[in-house]
Amino acid sequence: MKPVIHLVEGPVGAGKTTYAISLSRDLRAPVLNLDDWMVTLFRADRPQDDFMGWYVERKQRCLDQIWKVARDLLRCGSDAVLELGLVRQRDRQAFYALADAAQVGLRIYLLDAPEPVRRSRVRRRNREKGETFSMDVSDAMFELASGLWETPGPEELEARAIQCIDTTADGADVG
């Protein structure tokens, strides 16, 4: 069977990293997680001011490199699980176009849960700093990231046969 890219997307706190890790174990495929790359490569250089301009440029460099690694994995016969933070429709469309041009298999998983559940998860992750922790996400950063998220519309969902997964019950502790 031809190797596939498994793209895991959704708003902050939806359970993407937990799902990607589980999927990775099931498939015996590596996870390439944008947050891990950003923290490892750039955390020490993060400015206090003009964060978004700084972030966007570095995010694109990481996405370009993650794409190269994912293509190498596919060429070697391995699936790859990607968690890329493609919060805007145009960013997802650009990624879909890349996959289409490269003629690679692509399965997309859209995770979501209500805002109170997601916020609670992020706060718990900040406290516990467990397996899915890569950086503290403040309430302000949660609000910013949540505000940037563009839920795929019916056309995107249908055109890409996106598998929608409600993670509300997966370890949620609202309160």
N, C-alpha and C. Protein backbone atom coordinates (compact mmCIF):
# COMPACT_ATOMS: atom_id res chain seq x y z
N MET A 1 0.84 -1.18 0.00
CA MET A 1 0.00 0.00 0.00
C MET A 1 0.89 1.24 0.00
N LYS A 2 0.48 2.24 -0.76
CA LYS A 2 1.23 3.48 -0.90
C LYS A 2 1.19 4.28 0.42
N PRO A 3 2.34 4.79 0.89
CA PRO A 3 2.35 5.57 2.12
C PRO A 3 1.55 6.86 1.98
N VAL A 4 1.07 7.35 3.13
CA VAL A 4 0.13 8.46 3.17
C VAL A 4 0.57 9.48 4.21
N ILE A 5 0.25 10.74 3.95
CA ILE A 5 0.38 11.79 4.96
C ILE A 5 -0.95 11.86 5.70
N HIS A 6 -0.88 11.82 7.01
CA HIS A 6 -2.05 11.96 7.87
C HIS A 6 -1.96 13.34 8.51
N LEU A 7 -2.83 14.25 8.10
CA LEU A 7 -2.82 15.63 8.56
C LEU A 7 -3.85 15.80 9.66
N VAL A 8 -3.40 16.21 10.84
CA VAL A 8 -4.27 16.40 12.00
C VAL A 8 -4.39 17.90 12.25
N GLU A 9 -5.62 18.42 12.17
CA GLU A 9 -5.85 19.85 12.34
C GLU A 9 -7.04 20.10 13.27
N GLY A 10 -7.14 21.33 13.74
CA GLY A 10 -8.22 21.74 14.62
C GLY A 10 -7.79 22.92 15.45
N PRO A 11 -8.71 23.52 16.19
CA PRO A 11 -8.36 24.68 17.02
C PRO A 11 -7.51 24.27 18.23
N VAL A 12 -6.91 25.27 18.85
CA VAL A 12 -6.07 25.05 20.02
C VAL A 12 -6.87 24.32 21.11
N GLY A 13 -6.26 23.30 21.69
CA GLY A 13 -6.89 22.54 22.77
C GLY A 13 -7.86 21.47 22.32
N ALA A 14 -7.95 21.21 21.02
CA ALA A 14 -8.91 20.23 20.52
C ALA A 14 -8.44 18.79 20.74
N GLY A 15 -7.18 18.61 21.09
CA GLY A 15 -6.66 17.26 21.29
C GLY A 15 -5.82 16.75 20.14
N LYS A 16 -5.32 17.66 19.31
CA LYS A 16 -4.57 17.27 18.11
C LYS A 16 -3.31 16.48 18.44
N THR A 17 -2.54 16.96 19.40
CA THR A 17 -1.28 16.27 19.71
C THR A 17 -1.54 14.90 20.29
N THR A 18 -2.51 14.79 21.18
CA THR A 18 -2.87 13.49 21.75
C THR A 18 -3.30 12.54 20.64
N TYR A 19 -4.13 13.02 19.73
CA TYR A 19 -4.61 12.20 18.62
C TYR A 19 -3.45 11.82 17.70
N ALA A 20 -2.58 12.78 17.38
CA ALA A 20 -1.45 12.52 16.49
C ALA A 20 -0.52 11.46 17.08
N ILE A 21 -0.27 11.53 18.37
CA ILE A 21 0.59 10.54 19.03
C ILE A 21 -0.04 9.15 18.96
N SER A 22 -1.34 9.08 19.23
CA SER A 22 -2.04 7.80 19.17
C SER A 22 -2.03 7.24 17.74
N LEU A 23 -2.31 8.09 16.78
CA LEU A 23 -2.30 7.69 15.38
C LEU A 23 -0.89 7.22 14.97
N SER A 24 0.10 7.92 15.43
CA SER A 24 1.49 7.57 15.15
C SER A 24 1.82 6.17 15.65
N ARG A 25 1.37 5.89 16.86
CA ARG A 25 1.62 4.55 17.43
C ARG A 25 0.89 3.47 16.64
N ASP A 26 -0.37 3.75 16.28
CA ASP A 26 -1.16 2.77 15.52
C ASP A 26 -0.54 2.49 14.15
N LEU A 27 -0.04 3.54 13.52
CA LEU A 27 0.50 3.42 12.16
C LEU A 27 1.99 3.09 12.13
N ARG A 28 2.62 3.20 13.29
CA ARG A 28 4.09 3.06 13.36
C ARG A 28 4.74 4.05 12.42
N ALA A 29 4.29 5.31 12.54
CA ALA A 29 4.77 6.40 11.69
C ALA A 29 5.16 7.59 12.57
N PRO A 30 6.16 8.34 12.18
CA PRO A 30 6.58 9.48 13.00
C PRO A 30 5.58 10.64 12.94
N VAL A 31 5.57 11.41 14.04
CA VAL A 31 4.79 12.65 14.10
C VAL A 31 5.73 13.81 13.82
N LEU A 32 5.32 14.68 12.94
CA LEU A 32 6.03 15.94 12.70
C LEU A 32 5.09 17.05 13.16
N ASN A 33 5.44 17.65 14.29
CA ASN A 33 4.57 18.60 14.97
C ASN A 33 5.20 19.99 14.89
N LEU A 34 4.49 20.94 14.28
CA LEU A 34 5.00 22.29 14.11
C LEU A 34 5.43 22.92 15.44
N ASP A 35 4.61 22.79 16.48
CA ASP A 35 4.96 23.41 17.76
C ASP A 35 6.29 22.91 18.28
N ASP A 36 6.55 21.61 18.16
CA ASP A 36 7.84 21.07 18.60
C ASP A 36 9.00 21.71 17.84
N TRP A 37 8.84 21.85 16.54
CA TRP A 37 9.89 22.46 15.73
C TRP A 37 10.09 23.91 16.13
N MET A 38 9.00 24.65 16.27
CA MET A 38 9.11 26.07 16.61
C MET A 38 9.79 26.26 17.97
N VAL A 39 9.40 25.48 18.95
CA VAL A 39 9.98 25.60 20.29
C VAL A 39 11.46 25.23 20.26
N THR A 40 11.77 24.12 19.62
CA THR A 40 13.16 23.66 19.59
C THR A 40 14.07 24.63 18.85
N LEU A 41 13.62 25.12 17.72
CA LEU A 41 14.48 25.96 16.89
C LEU A 41 14.49 27.44 17.28
N PHE A 42 13.36 27.95 17.78
CA PHE A 42 13.24 29.40 17.88
C PHE A 42 12.85 29.97 19.24
N ARG A 43 12.52 29.15 20.23
CA ARG A 43 12.05 29.70 21.51
C ARG A 43 13.03 30.72 22.08
N ALA A 44 14.31 30.44 22.03
CA ALA A 44 15.31 31.34 22.62
C ALA A 44 15.35 32.70 21.93
N ASP A 45 14.89 32.78 20.69
CA ASP A 45 14.94 34.02 19.91
C ASP A 45 13.63 34.80 19.91
N ARG A 46 12.62 34.30 20.60
CA ARG A 46 11.29 34.92 20.56
C ARG A 46 11.32 36.33 21.15
N PRO A 47 10.88 37.32 20.36
CA PRO A 47 10.86 38.70 20.86
C PRO A 47 9.64 38.96 21.75
N GLN A 48 9.72 39.99 22.56
CA GLN A 48 8.59 40.40 23.37
C GLN A 48 7.58 41.20 22.54
N ASP A 49 8.08 41.95 21.56
CA ASP A 49 7.22 42.77 20.70
C ASP A 49 7.19 42.18 19.29
N ASP A 50 6.16 42.54 18.53
CA ASP A 50 5.99 42.09 17.15
C ASP A 50 6.09 40.57 17.02
N PHE A 51 5.41 39.89 17.92
CA PHE A 51 5.45 38.44 17.94
C PHE A 51 4.91 37.83 16.65
N MET A 52 3.79 38.35 16.15
CA MET A 52 3.15 37.72 14.99
C MET A 52 4.02 37.77 13.74
N GLY A 53 4.64 38.90 13.47
CA GLY A 53 5.52 39.00 12.31
C GLY A 53 6.69 38.03 12.41
N TRP A 54 7.27 37.96 13.59
CA TRP A 54 8.37 37.04 13.86
C TRP A 54 7.91 35.59 13.67
N TYR A 55 6.75 35.26 14.22
CA TYR A 55 6.22 33.90 14.20
C TYR A 55 5.89 33.43 12.78
N VAL A 56 5.21 34.26 12.01
CA VAL A 56 4.73 33.86 10.68
C VAL A 56 5.90 33.46 9.78
N GLU A 57 6.97 34.24 9.81
CA GLU A 57 8.12 33.94 8.95
C GLU A 57 8.77 32.63 9.36
N ARG A 58 8.94 32.40 10.64
CA ARG A 58 9.57 31.17 11.13
C ARG A 58 8.65 29.96 10.94
N LYS A 59 7.36 30.18 11.10
CA LYS A 59 6.42 29.09 10.88
C LYS A 59 6.55 28.58 9.45
N GLN A 60 6.64 29.49 8.50
CA GLN A 60 6.74 29.06 7.10
C GLN A 60 8.02 28.29 6.85
N ARG A 61 9.13 28.71 7.44
CA ARG A 61 10.38 27.97 7.28
C ARG A 61 10.24 26.55 7.83
N CYS A 62 9.60 26.43 9.00
CA CYS A 62 9.38 25.10 9.59
C CYS A 62 8.47 24.26 8.72
N LEU A 63 7.38 24.86 8.22
CA LEU A 63 6.47 24.11 7.35
C LEU A 63 7.18 23.60 6.10
N ASP A 64 8.04 24.43 5.52
CA ASP A 64 8.79 24.01 4.34
C ASP A 64 9.69 22.82 4.67
N GLN A 65 10.36 22.86 5.80
CA GLN A 65 11.25 21.77 6.17
C GLN A 65 10.47 20.51 6.56
N ILE A 66 9.36 20.68 7.27
CA ILE A 66 8.52 19.53 7.63
C ILE A 66 8.01 18.85 6.36
N TRP A 67 7.63 19.64 5.36
CA TRP A 67 7.18 19.06 4.09
C TRP A 67 8.28 18.22 3.46
N LYS A 68 9.52 18.74 3.47
CA LYS A 68 10.64 17.98 2.89
C LYS A 68 10.85 16.66 3.64
N VAL A 69 10.80 16.70 4.95
CA VAL A 69 10.99 15.49 5.74
C VAL A 69 9.84 14.51 5.48
N ALA A 70 8.62 15.01 5.42
CA ALA A 70 7.46 14.14 5.15
C ALA A 70 7.60 13.47 3.78
N ARG A 71 8.03 14.21 2.79
CA ARG A 71 8.23 13.63 1.44
C ARG A 71 9.31 12.55 1.49
N ASP A 72 10.39 12.79 2.23
CA ASP A 72 11.44 11.78 2.37
C ASP A 72 10.89 10.51 3.03
N LEU A 73 10.08 10.69 4.06
CA LEU A 73 9.48 9.53 4.72
C LEU A 73 8.61 8.73 3.76
N LEU A 74 7.81 9.43 2.98
CA LEU A 74 6.96 8.74 2.00
C LEU A 74 7.81 7.97 0.98
N ARG A 75 8.87 8.59 0.52
CA ARG A 75 9.77 7.93 -0.44
C ARG A 75 10.40 6.67 0.16
N CYS A 76 10.58 6.68 1.48
CA CYS A 76 11.17 5.52 2.17
C CYS A 76 10.11 4.48 2.53
N GLY A 77 8.85 4.76 2.19
CA GLY A 77 7.79 3.79 2.42
C GLY A 77 7.06 3.96 3.74
N SER A 78 7.28 5.06 4.44
CA SER A 78 6.62 5.30 5.73
C SER A 78 5.52 6.35 5.60
N ASP A 79 4.43 6.11 6.29
CA ASP A 79 3.44 7.16 6.47
C ASP A 79 4.06 8.25 7.34
N ALA A 80 3.44 9.41 7.37
CA ALA A 80 3.86 10.49 8.25
C ALA A 80 2.61 11.13 8.84
N VAL A 81 2.67 11.45 10.12
CA VAL A 81 1.58 12.13 10.81
C VAL A 81 2.02 13.57 11.02
N LEU A 82 1.27 14.50 10.45
CA LEU A 82 1.63 15.91 10.53
C LEU A 82 0.61 16.69 11.34
N GLU A 83 1.09 17.49 12.24
CA GLU A 83 0.27 18.44 13.00
C GLU A 83 0.89 19.80 12.74
N LEU A 84 0.24 20.59 11.87
CA LEU A 84 0.89 21.78 11.31
C LEU A 84 0.29 23.11 11.72
N GLY A 85 -0.80 23.13 12.42
CA GLY A 85 -1.37 24.42 12.82
C GLY A 85 -1.84 25.24 11.63
N LEU A 86 -2.47 24.61 10.67
CA LEU A 86 -2.99 25.31 9.49
C LEU A 86 -4.36 25.88 9.85
N VAL A 87 -4.36 26.96 10.57
CA VAL A 87 -5.59 27.50 11.17
C VAL A 87 -6.47 28.23 10.16
N ARG A 88 -5.88 28.71 9.09
CA ARG A 88 -6.66 29.45 8.10
C ARG A 88 -6.90 28.58 6.87
N GLN A 89 -8.06 28.79 6.28
CA GLN A 89 -8.42 27.99 5.11
C GLN A 89 -7.38 28.13 4.01
N ARG A 90 -6.89 29.32 3.77
CA ARG A 90 -5.91 29.52 2.69
C ARG A 90 -4.63 28.72 2.95
N ASP A 91 -4.25 28.59 4.22
CA ASP A 91 -3.05 27.80 4.55
C ASP A 91 -3.29 26.31 4.29
N ARG A 92 -4.50 25.84 4.65
CA ARG A 92 -4.83 24.44 4.36
C ARG A 92 -4.89 24.21 2.86
N GLN A 93 -5.49 25.14 2.13
CA GLN A 93 -5.59 24.99 0.67
C GLN A 93 -4.20 24.95 0.04
N ALA A 94 -3.28 25.76 0.54
CA ALA A 94 -1.90 25.74 0.03
C ALA A 94 -1.26 24.38 0.29
N PHE A 95 -1.51 23.81 1.47
CA PHE A 95 -0.95 22.50 1.77
C PHE A 95 -1.58 21.43 0.88
N TYR A 96 -2.89 21.50 0.69
CA TYR A 96 -3.56 20.53 -0.18
C TYR A 96 -2.98 20.59 -1.60
N ALA A 97 -2.72 21.81 -2.08
CA ALA A 97 -2.15 21.98 -3.42
C ALA A 97 -0.76 21.35 -3.51
N LEU A 98 0.03 21.50 -2.46
CA LEU A 98 1.36 20.88 -2.41
C LEU A 98 1.23 19.36 -2.50
N ALA A 99 0.33 18.80 -1.70
CA ALA A 99 0.14 17.34 -1.70
C ALA A 99 -0.38 16.87 -3.05
N ASP A 100 -1.30 17.62 -3.63
CA ASP A 100 -1.84 17.25 -4.95
C ASP A 100 -0.74 17.28 -6.01
N ALA A 101 0.07 18.34 -6.01
CA ALA A 101 1.13 18.48 -7.00
C ALA A 101 2.16 17.35 -6.87
N ALA A 102 2.41 16.93 -5.64
CA ALA A 102 3.37 15.85 -5.39
C ALA A 102 2.73 14.47 -5.56
N GLN A 103 1.43 14.46 -5.77
CA GLN A 103 0.68 13.21 -5.93
C GLN A 103 0.88 12.26 -4.76
N VAL A 104 0.77 12.82 -3.56
CA VAL A 104 0.88 12.00 -2.36
C VAL A 104 -0.50 11.78 -1.76
N GLY A 105 -0.66 10.64 -1.12
CA GLY A 105 -1.91 10.35 -0.43
C GLY A 105 -2.05 11.24 0.79
N LEU A 106 -3.25 11.71 1.03
CA LEU A 106 -3.49 12.63 2.13
C LEU A 106 -4.80 12.27 2.83
N ARG A 107 -4.71 12.00 4.12
CA ARG A 107 -5.89 11.80 4.96
C ARG A 107 -5.92 12.91 5.98
N ILE A 108 -7.10 13.51 6.14
CA ILE A 108 -7.21 14.68 7.01
C ILE A 108 -8.18 14.38 8.14
N TYR A 109 -7.74 14.72 9.34
CA TYR A 109 -8.53 14.52 10.56
C TYR A 109 -8.75 15.90 11.17
N LEU A 110 -10.01 16.27 11.33
CA LEU A 110 -10.36 17.55 11.94
C LEU A 110 -10.90 17.28 13.33
N LEU A 111 -10.18 17.73 14.34
CA LEU A 111 -10.60 17.54 15.72
C LEU A 111 -11.21 18.82 16.25
N ASP A 112 -12.21 18.67 17.12
CA ASP A 112 -12.80 19.85 17.73
C ASP A 112 -13.51 19.47 19.01
N ALA A 113 -13.70 20.47 19.85
CA ALA A 113 -14.43 20.36 21.10
C ALA A 113 -14.89 21.77 21.44
N PRO A 114 -15.91 21.90 22.29
CA PRO A 114 -16.37 23.24 22.66
C PRO A 114 -15.26 24.05 23.35
N GLU A 115 -15.36 25.35 23.24
CA GLU A 115 -14.34 26.26 23.78
C GLU A 115 -14.03 26.01 25.25
N PRO A 116 -15.02 25.83 26.14
CA PRO A 116 -14.67 25.60 27.55
C PRO A 116 -13.83 24.32 27.77
N VAL A 117 -14.11 23.30 26.99
CA VAL A 117 -13.34 22.05 27.08
C VAL A 117 -11.92 22.30 26.61
N ARG A 118 -11.76 22.98 25.49
CA ARG A 118 -10.44 23.26 24.95
C ARG A 118 -9.62 24.12 25.91
N ARG A 119 -10.25 25.15 26.46
CA ARG A 119 -9.54 26.04 27.40
C ARG A 119 -9.09 25.26 28.63
N SER A 120 -9.95 24.40 29.15
CA SER A 120 -9.61 23.59 30.32
C SER A 120 -8.43 22.67 30.01
N ARG A 121 -8.43 22.07 28.85
CA ARG A 121 -7.33 21.19 28.45
C ARG A 121 -6.00 21.95 28.39
N VAL A 122 -6.05 23.13 27.81
CA VAL A 122 -4.82 23.93 27.68
C VAL A 122 -4.29 24.31 29.06
N ARG A 123 -5.18 24.72 29.94
CA ARG A 123 -4.74 25.06 31.30
C ARG A 123 -4.15 23.84 32.01
N ARG A 124 -4.79 22.69 31.85
CA ARG A 124 -4.28 21.46 32.46
C ARG A 124 -2.92 21.09 31.87
N ARG A 125 -2.79 21.20 30.57
CA ARG A 125 -1.51 20.89 29.91
C ARG A 125 -0.41 21.83 30.41
N ASN A 126 -0.74 23.10 30.59
CA ASN A 126 0.23 24.06 31.14
C ASN A 126 0.70 23.65 32.53
N ARG A 127 -0.23 23.18 33.36
CA ARG A 127 0.10 22.77 34.74
C ARG A 127 0.91 21.49 34.77
N GLU A 128 0.45 20.48 34.02
CA GLU A 128 1.02 19.14 34.12
C GLU A 128 2.30 18.95 33.31
N LYS A 129 2.44 19.70 32.21
CA LYS A 129 3.62 19.61 31.35
C LYS A 129 3.96 18.15 30.98
N GLY A 130 2.94 17.41 30.57
CA GLY A 130 3.09 15.99 30.22
C GLY A 130 3.55 15.78 28.79
N GLU A 131 3.20 14.63 28.25
CA GLU A 131 3.66 14.18 26.93
C GLU A 131 3.30 15.15 25.80
N THR A 132 2.16 15.82 25.90
CA THR A 132 1.73 16.70 24.80
C THR A 132 2.14 18.15 24.99
N PHE A 133 2.87 18.44 26.05
CA PHE A 133 3.28 19.82 26.33
C PHE A 133 4.49 20.20 25.49
N SER A 134 4.41 21.37 24.83
CA SER A 134 5.60 21.90 24.16
C SER A 134 5.89 23.32 24.59
N MET A 135 4.85 24.05 25.02
CA MET A 135 5.02 25.42 25.49
C MET A 135 3.80 25.85 26.29
N ASP A 136 4.01 26.80 27.20
CA ASP A 136 2.87 27.37 27.92
C ASP A 136 2.03 28.18 26.95
N VAL A 137 0.72 28.00 27.04
CA VAL A 137 -0.22 28.78 26.23
C VAL A 137 -1.06 29.58 27.22
N SER A 138 -0.79 30.88 27.27
CA SER A 138 -1.52 31.76 28.18
C SER A 138 -2.97 31.89 27.71
N ASP A 139 -3.82 32.43 28.61
CA ASP A 139 -5.21 32.68 28.21
C ASP A 139 -5.26 33.63 27.02
N ALA A 140 -4.39 34.63 27.01
CA ALA A 140 -4.36 35.59 25.89
C ALA A 140 -3.97 34.88 24.59
N MET A 141 -2.98 33.99 24.66
CA MET A 141 -2.56 33.25 23.47
C MET A 141 -3.67 32.29 23.03
N PHE A 142 -4.36 31.68 23.99
CA PHE A 142 -5.49 30.81 23.67
C PHE A 142 -6.55 31.61 22.89
N GLU A 143 -6.87 32.80 23.39
CA GLU A 143 -7.87 33.65 22.72
C GLU A 143 -7.42 34.02 21.31
N LEU A 144 -6.16 34.40 21.17
CA LEU A 144 -5.63 34.76 19.86
C LEU A 144 -5.71 33.58 18.90
N ALA A 145 -5.23 32.43 19.34
CA ALA A 145 -5.22 31.25 18.47
C ALA A 145 -6.64 30.80 18.13
N SER A 146 -7.53 30.84 19.12
CA SER A 146 -8.93 30.46 18.87
C SER A 146 -9.58 31.41 17.87
N GLY A 147 -9.24 32.69 17.97
CA GLY A 147 -9.80 33.69 17.06
C GLY A 147 -9.31 33.55 15.63
N LEU A 148 -8.12 33.01 15.47
CA LEU A 148 -7.56 32.82 14.13
C LEU A 148 -8.11 31.58 13.43
N TRP A 149 -8.59 30.60 14.20
CA TRP A 149 -9.06 29.34 13.63
C TRP A 149 -10.26 29.56 12.70
N GLU A 150 -10.15 29.03 11.49
CA GLU A 150 -11.23 29.06 10.51
C GLU A 150 -11.71 27.63 10.29
N THR A 151 -12.90 27.34 10.77
CA THR A 151 -13.47 26.00 10.63
C THR A 151 -13.70 25.70 9.15
N PRO A 152 -13.28 24.52 8.69
CA PRO A 152 -13.54 24.17 7.29
C PRO A 152 -15.04 24.20 6.99
N GLY A 153 -15.37 24.77 5.85
CA GLY A 153 -16.76 24.80 5.42
C GLY A 153 -17.13 23.51 4.72
N PRO A 154 -18.41 23.39 4.34
CA PRO A 154 -18.89 22.16 3.69
C PRO A 154 -18.10 21.78 2.44
N GLU A 155 -17.70 22.78 1.63
CA GLU A 155 -16.96 22.47 0.40
C GLU A 155 -15.61 21.83 0.71
N GLU A 156 -14.87 22.40 1.68
CA GLU A 156 -13.57 21.84 2.05
C GLU A 156 -13.74 20.45 2.65
N LEU A 157 -14.72 20.31 3.53
CA LEU A 157 -14.96 19.02 4.18
C LEU A 157 -15.26 17.93 3.15
N GLU A 158 -16.10 18.26 2.20
CA GLU A 158 -16.52 17.29 1.19
C GLU A 158 -15.42 17.02 0.16
N ALA A 159 -14.77 18.08 -0.32
CA ALA A 159 -13.75 17.94 -1.36
C ALA A 159 -12.58 17.09 -0.88
N ARG A 160 -12.29 17.17 0.41
CA ARG A 160 -11.13 16.47 0.97
C ARG A 160 -11.50 15.25 1.81
N ALA A 161 -12.78 14.92 1.86
CA ALA A 161 -13.25 13.78 2.67
C ALA A 161 -12.64 13.83 4.07
N ILE A 162 -12.74 14.99 4.69
CA ILE A 162 -12.15 15.21 6.01
C ILE A 162 -12.92 14.42 7.05
N GLN A 163 -12.18 13.69 7.87
CA GLN A 163 -12.78 12.93 8.96
C GLN A 163 -12.90 13.86 10.17
N CYS A 164 -14.13 14.17 10.57
CA CYS A 164 -14.38 15.06 11.70
C CYS A 164 -14.49 14.24 12.97
N ILE A 165 -13.75 14.66 13.99
CA ILE A 165 -13.70 13.92 15.25
C ILE A 165 -14.00 14.87 16.40
N ASP A 166 -15.09 14.62 17.10
CA ASP A 166 -15.46 15.40 18.28
C ASP A 166 -14.72 14.80 19.47
N THR A 167 -13.83 15.57 20.06
CA THR A 167 -13.01 15.05 21.16
C THR A 167 -13.54 15.51 22.53
N THR A 168 -14.77 15.97 22.58
CA THR A 168 -15.33 16.50 23.82
C THR A 168 -15.17 15.54 24.98
N ALA A 169 -15.47 14.28 24.77
CA ALA A 169 -15.48 13.29 25.86
C ALA A 169 -14.09 12.73 26.18
N ASP A 170 -13.09 13.06 25.39
CA ASP A 170 -11.76 12.48 25.56
C ASP A 170 -10.98 13.17 26.67
N GLY A 171 -11.27 12.79 27.89
CA GLY A 171 -10.52 13.32 29.03
C GLY A 171 -10.84 14.75 29.37
N ALA A 172 -12.01 15.22 28.99
CA ALA A 172 -12.37 16.61 29.26
C ALA A 172 -12.69 16.81 30.74
N ASP A 173 -12.23 17.92 31.27
CA ASP A 173 -12.58 18.27 32.64
C ASP A 173 -12.91 19.77 32.69
N VAL A 174 -14.09 20.10 32.30
CA VAL A 174 -14.51 21.49 32.24
C VAL A 174 -14.69 22.03 33.65
N GLY A 175 -14.13 23.22 33.88
CA GLY A 175 -14.34 23.84 35.19
C GLY A 175 -13.17 24.58 35.70
